[in-house]
N, C-alpha and C. Protein backbone atom coordinates (compact mmCIF):
# COMPACT_ATOMS: atom_id res chain seq x y z
N MET A 1 124.52 37.54 92.79
CA MET A 1 126.07 37.41 92.95
C MET A 1 126.64 38.49 93.78
N SER A 2 127.25 38.23 94.76
CA SER A 2 128.15 39.06 95.62
C SER A 2 129.41 39.11 95.24
N SER A 3 129.91 40.49 95.41
CA SER A 3 131.32 41.08 95.12
C SER A 3 132.17 40.67 96.18
N HIS A 4 133.61 40.10 95.63
CA HIS A 4 134.36 40.06 96.51
C HIS A 4 135.35 41.15 97.02
N TYR A 5 134.89 42.27 96.63
CA TYR A 5 135.51 43.43 97.06
C TYR A 5 134.70 44.02 98.26
N THR A 6 135.35 44.29 99.41
CA THR A 6 134.92 44.81 100.77
C THR A 6 134.06 46.15 100.68
N SER A 7 134.40 46.82 99.77
CA SER A 7 133.97 48.04 99.62
C SER A 7 132.30 47.83 99.34
N LEU A 8 132.35 46.90 98.06
CA LEU A 8 130.96 46.58 97.55
C LEU A 8 130.36 45.69 98.62
N LYS A 9 130.91 44.88 99.00
CA LYS A 9 130.22 43.80 100.04
C LYS A 9 129.77 44.10 101.11
N LYS A 10 130.35 45.59 101.57
CA LYS A 10 129.70 45.98 102.77
C LYS A 10 128.14 46.60 102.58
N HIS A 11 127.95 46.98 101.47
CA HIS A 11 126.64 47.79 101.26
C HIS A 11 125.96 46.65 100.28
N HIS A 12 126.36 45.27 100.08
CA HIS A 12 125.56 44.39 99.25
C HIS A 12 125.49 44.65 98.12
N ILE A 13 126.36 45.41 97.33
CA ILE A 13 126.15 45.84 95.81
C ILE A 13 127.14 44.93 94.97
N ALA A 14 126.42 44.42 94.25
CA ALA A 14 127.20 43.54 93.13
C ALA A 14 127.90 44.37 91.96
N GLY A 15 128.95 43.89 91.74
CA GLY A 15 129.90 44.75 90.96
C GLY A 15 129.02 44.70 89.53
N ASP A 16 129.25 46.01 88.65
CA ASP A 16 128.41 45.88 87.66
C ASP A 16 129.48 46.45 86.16
N PHE A 17 130.68 46.01 86.53
CA PHE A 17 131.72 46.21 85.41
C PHE A 17 132.38 44.93 84.79
N ARG A 18 133.03 45.27 83.71
CA ARG A 18 133.85 44.16 83.14
C ARG A 18 135.27 44.21 82.63
N PHE A 19 135.84 43.25 82.72
CA PHE A 19 137.47 43.61 82.52
C PHE A 19 137.31 43.14 81.00
N VAL A 20 138.12 43.88 80.15
CA VAL A 20 138.43 43.28 78.84
C VAL A 20 139.87 43.18 78.81
N LEU A 21 140.46 42.05 78.53
CA LEU A 21 141.79 41.55 78.13
C LEU A 21 142.05 41.47 76.70
N ILE A 22 143.24 41.89 76.26
CA ILE A 22 143.72 41.84 74.97
C ILE A 22 144.55 40.70 74.79
N ASP A 23 144.11 39.66 74.08
CA ASP A 23 145.09 38.53 73.65
C ASP A 23 145.77 38.61 72.17
N ARG A 24 146.93 38.61 72.03
CA ARG A 24 147.43 38.71 70.80
C ARG A 24 147.81 37.46 70.38
N ILE A 25 147.21 37.22 69.06
CA ILE A 25 147.41 35.92 68.13
C ILE A 25 147.91 36.37 67.13
N GLN A 26 148.54 35.22 66.48
CA GLN A 26 149.43 35.32 65.11
C GLN A 26 148.32 35.40 64.03
N ASN A 27 148.64 36.34 63.34
CA ASN A 27 147.91 36.40 61.81
C ASN A 27 148.38 35.67 60.77
N TYR A 28 147.72 34.85 60.43
CA TYR A 28 148.09 33.84 59.26
C TYR A 28 147.75 34.30 57.84
N ASP A 29 147.51 35.60 57.76
CA ASP A 29 147.12 36.20 56.27
C ASP A 29 148.37 36.53 55.41
N PHE A 30 149.35 36.60 56.14
CA PHE A 30 150.60 37.17 55.66
C PHE A 30 151.65 36.51 55.88
N ASP A 31 152.66 36.51 54.98
CA ASP A 31 153.79 35.83 55.15
C ASP A 31 154.79 36.73 56.12
N PHE A 32 155.38 36.11 57.17
CA PHE A 32 156.42 36.85 57.80
C PHE A 32 157.91 36.30 57.23
N ARG A 33 158.51 37.20 57.65
CA ARG A 33 160.01 36.84 57.48
C ARG A 33 160.42 35.64 58.24
N PRO A 34 161.33 34.84 57.89
CA PRO A 34 161.92 33.90 58.64
C PRO A 34 162.20 34.14 60.27
N PHE A 35 162.77 35.05 60.45
CA PHE A 35 163.09 35.62 61.72
C PHE A 35 161.53 35.81 62.67
N ASP A 36 161.03 36.74 61.87
CA ASP A 36 159.63 37.14 62.66
C ASP A 36 158.86 36.00 63.09
N GLN A 37 158.87 34.89 62.10
CA GLN A 37 158.20 33.57 62.32
C GLN A 37 158.70 33.09 63.48
N PHE A 38 159.90 32.87 63.65
CA PHE A 38 160.61 32.28 64.58
C PHE A 38 160.42 32.57 65.92
N VAL A 39 160.32 34.05 65.86
CA VAL A 39 160.18 35.07 67.14
C VAL A 39 158.54 34.53 67.77
N MET A 40 157.63 34.72 66.41
CA MET A 40 156.09 34.50 67.03
C MET A 40 155.92 33.03 67.21
N ASN A 41 156.65 32.25 66.96
CA ASN A 41 156.55 30.62 67.23
C ASN A 41 157.05 30.46 68.99
N ILE A 42 158.14 31.09 69.13
CA ILE A 42 158.63 31.09 70.52
C ILE A 42 157.87 31.75 71.25
N TYR A 43 156.81 32.94 70.98
CA TYR A 43 155.93 33.53 71.65
C TYR A 43 154.68 32.74 72.09
N ASN A 44 154.30 31.92 71.09
CA ASN A 44 153.26 31.10 71.23
C ASN A 44 153.28 29.84 72.37
N VAL A 45 154.59 29.33 72.21
CA VAL A 45 155.09 28.55 73.01
C VAL A 45 155.25 28.83 74.27
N VAL A 46 156.00 29.94 74.65
CA VAL A 46 155.83 30.41 76.19
C VAL A 46 154.52 30.95 76.45
N LYS A 47 153.63 31.30 75.87
CA LYS A 47 152.21 31.48 76.21
C LYS A 47 151.40 30.49 76.56
N ARG A 48 151.63 29.36 75.72
CA ARG A 48 150.88 28.35 76.24
C ARG A 48 151.52 27.45 77.42
N LEU A 49 152.89 27.36 77.69
CA LEU A 49 153.43 27.02 78.95
C LEU A 49 152.97 27.86 80.33
N GLY A 50 152.57 29.27 80.21
CA GLY A 50 152.31 29.89 81.26
C GLY A 50 150.68 29.96 81.46
N ILE A 51 150.31 30.69 82.60
CA ILE A 51 149.16 30.64 82.93
C ILE A 51 148.11 31.68 82.33
N SER A 52 147.03 31.86 82.27
CA SER A 52 146.12 32.67 81.50
C SER A 52 146.13 34.08 81.97
N ASP A 53 146.04 34.84 81.52
CA ASP A 53 146.10 36.20 82.01
C ASP A 53 144.83 36.32 83.15
N VAL A 54 143.72 35.80 82.69
CA VAL A 54 142.44 35.89 83.63
C VAL A 54 143.14 35.24 85.00
N ARG A 55 143.68 34.32 85.09
CA ARG A 55 144.07 33.59 86.13
C ARG A 55 145.38 34.43 86.93
N ALA A 56 146.34 35.20 86.00
CA ALA A 56 147.37 35.66 86.53
C ALA A 56 147.14 37.15 87.10
N PHE A 57 145.93 37.81 86.89
CA PHE A 57 145.50 39.04 87.37
C PHE A 57 144.44 38.50 88.56
N GLY A 58 144.12 37.32 88.60
CA GLY A 58 143.18 37.09 89.65
C GLY A 58 141.55 37.41 89.41
N LEU A 59 141.29 37.66 87.94
CA LEU A 59 139.98 37.96 87.67
C LEU A 59 139.02 37.03 87.81
N ASP A 60 137.68 37.36 88.09
CA ASP A 60 136.47 36.27 87.88
C ASP A 60 136.38 36.19 86.34
N SER A 61 136.29 34.83 86.01
CA SER A 61 136.04 34.60 84.41
C SER A 61 134.54 35.01 84.19
N SER A 62 133.66 35.17 85.03
CA SER A 62 132.28 35.69 84.52
C SER A 62 132.02 37.01 84.25
N ASN A 63 133.14 37.84 84.88
CA ASN A 63 132.76 39.34 84.10
C ASN A 63 134.21 39.71 83.69
N THR A 64 134.93 38.73 82.75
CA THR A 64 135.86 39.01 82.10
C THR A 64 135.45 38.62 80.56
N VAL A 65 136.08 39.70 79.64
CA VAL A 65 136.24 39.36 78.25
C VAL A 65 137.33 39.38 77.58
N VAL A 66 137.97 38.05 76.59
CA VAL A 66 139.29 38.19 76.23
C VAL A 66 138.98 38.50 74.67
N GLU A 67 139.66 39.48 74.11
CA GLU A 67 139.44 39.98 72.85
C GLU A 67 140.60 39.32 72.17
N LEU A 68 140.34 38.68 70.97
CA LEU A 68 141.74 38.18 70.12
C LEU A 68 142.14 39.50 68.95
N VAL A 69 143.19 39.55 69.02
CA VAL A 69 143.75 41.10 68.23
C VAL A 69 144.87 40.40 67.58
N PRO A 70 145.26 40.32 66.18
CA PRO A 70 145.96 39.84 65.44
C PRO A 70 147.53 40.56 65.69
N LEU A 71 148.61 39.90 66.15
CA LEU A 71 149.85 40.32 66.21
C LEU A 71 150.43 40.62 64.92
N GLU A 72 150.95 42.11 64.49
CA GLU A 72 151.46 42.12 63.28
C GLU A 72 152.59 42.88 63.20
N SER A 73 153.59 42.60 62.54
CA SER A 73 155.06 43.60 62.45
C SER A 73 154.78 44.65 61.43
N GLY A 74 156.10 45.45 61.59
CA GLY A 74 155.94 46.86 60.18
C GLY A 74 155.67 46.24 58.87
N GLU A 75 156.63 45.06 59.02
CA GLU A 75 156.65 44.43 57.51
C GLU A 75 155.17 44.12 56.98
N VAL A 76 154.62 43.42 57.81
CA VAL A 76 153.26 43.24 57.35
C VAL A 76 152.14 44.35 57.30
N ILE A 77 152.28 45.57 58.01
CA ILE A 77 151.34 46.38 57.74
C ILE A 77 151.66 47.01 56.24
N LYS A 78 153.25 47.07 56.00
CA LYS A 78 153.52 47.81 54.79
C LYS A 78 153.05 46.74 53.80
N GLN A 79 152.98 45.33 53.75
CA GLN A 79 152.64 44.65 52.64
C GLN A 79 150.82 44.93 52.61
N ALA A 80 150.37 45.15 53.67
CA ALA A 80 148.72 45.39 53.66
C ALA A 80 148.54 46.71 53.10
N LYS A 81 149.39 47.70 53.32
CA LYS A 81 149.25 49.13 52.40
C LYS A 81 149.39 48.80 51.04
N GLU A 82 150.29 48.25 50.68
CA GLU A 82 150.58 47.75 49.23
C GLU A 82 149.74 47.11 48.43
N MET A 83 148.99 46.00 49.15
CA MET A 83 148.10 45.01 48.60
C MET A 83 146.88 45.83 48.26
N TYR A 84 146.35 46.72 49.40
CA TYR A 84 144.81 47.37 49.56
C TYR A 84 144.79 48.72 49.20
N LYS A 85 146.38 49.21 48.55
CA LYS A 85 146.23 50.69 48.00
C LYS A 85 145.92 51.58 49.19
N ILE A 86 146.30 51.54 50.49
CA ILE A 86 145.88 52.38 51.65
C ILE A 86 146.68 53.64 51.63
N GLU A 87 145.82 54.58 51.52
CA GLU A 87 146.65 56.16 51.59
C GLU A 87 146.08 56.91 52.58
N ARG A 88 146.94 57.59 53.04
CA ARG A 88 146.35 58.82 54.01
C ARG A 88 145.81 60.04 53.41
N LEU A 89 144.59 60.56 53.75
CA LEU A 89 144.13 61.45 53.20
C LEU A 89 144.64 62.81 53.71
N GLN A 90 144.82 64.10 53.19
CA GLN A 90 145.61 65.10 53.81
C GLN A 90 144.38 65.86 54.10
């Protein structure tokens, strides 16, 4: 596999790196306020209409990993702290 970067191609060196993209998804474990739910629905629609981040950045999909990370609001984090009794140690 030859690299498409001129500096690596000149010496016939294949790139040995990987791009990691973070894709934010909706977390369905918690109930959101109506306004937050509306904003997240609009975000999902716009995300589906556009092109993927891999194509937008012009990355090769063979050396790109897309990590899915839940998108959460401050209210959701507060609910989780109360639900699981999370406390910061001093």
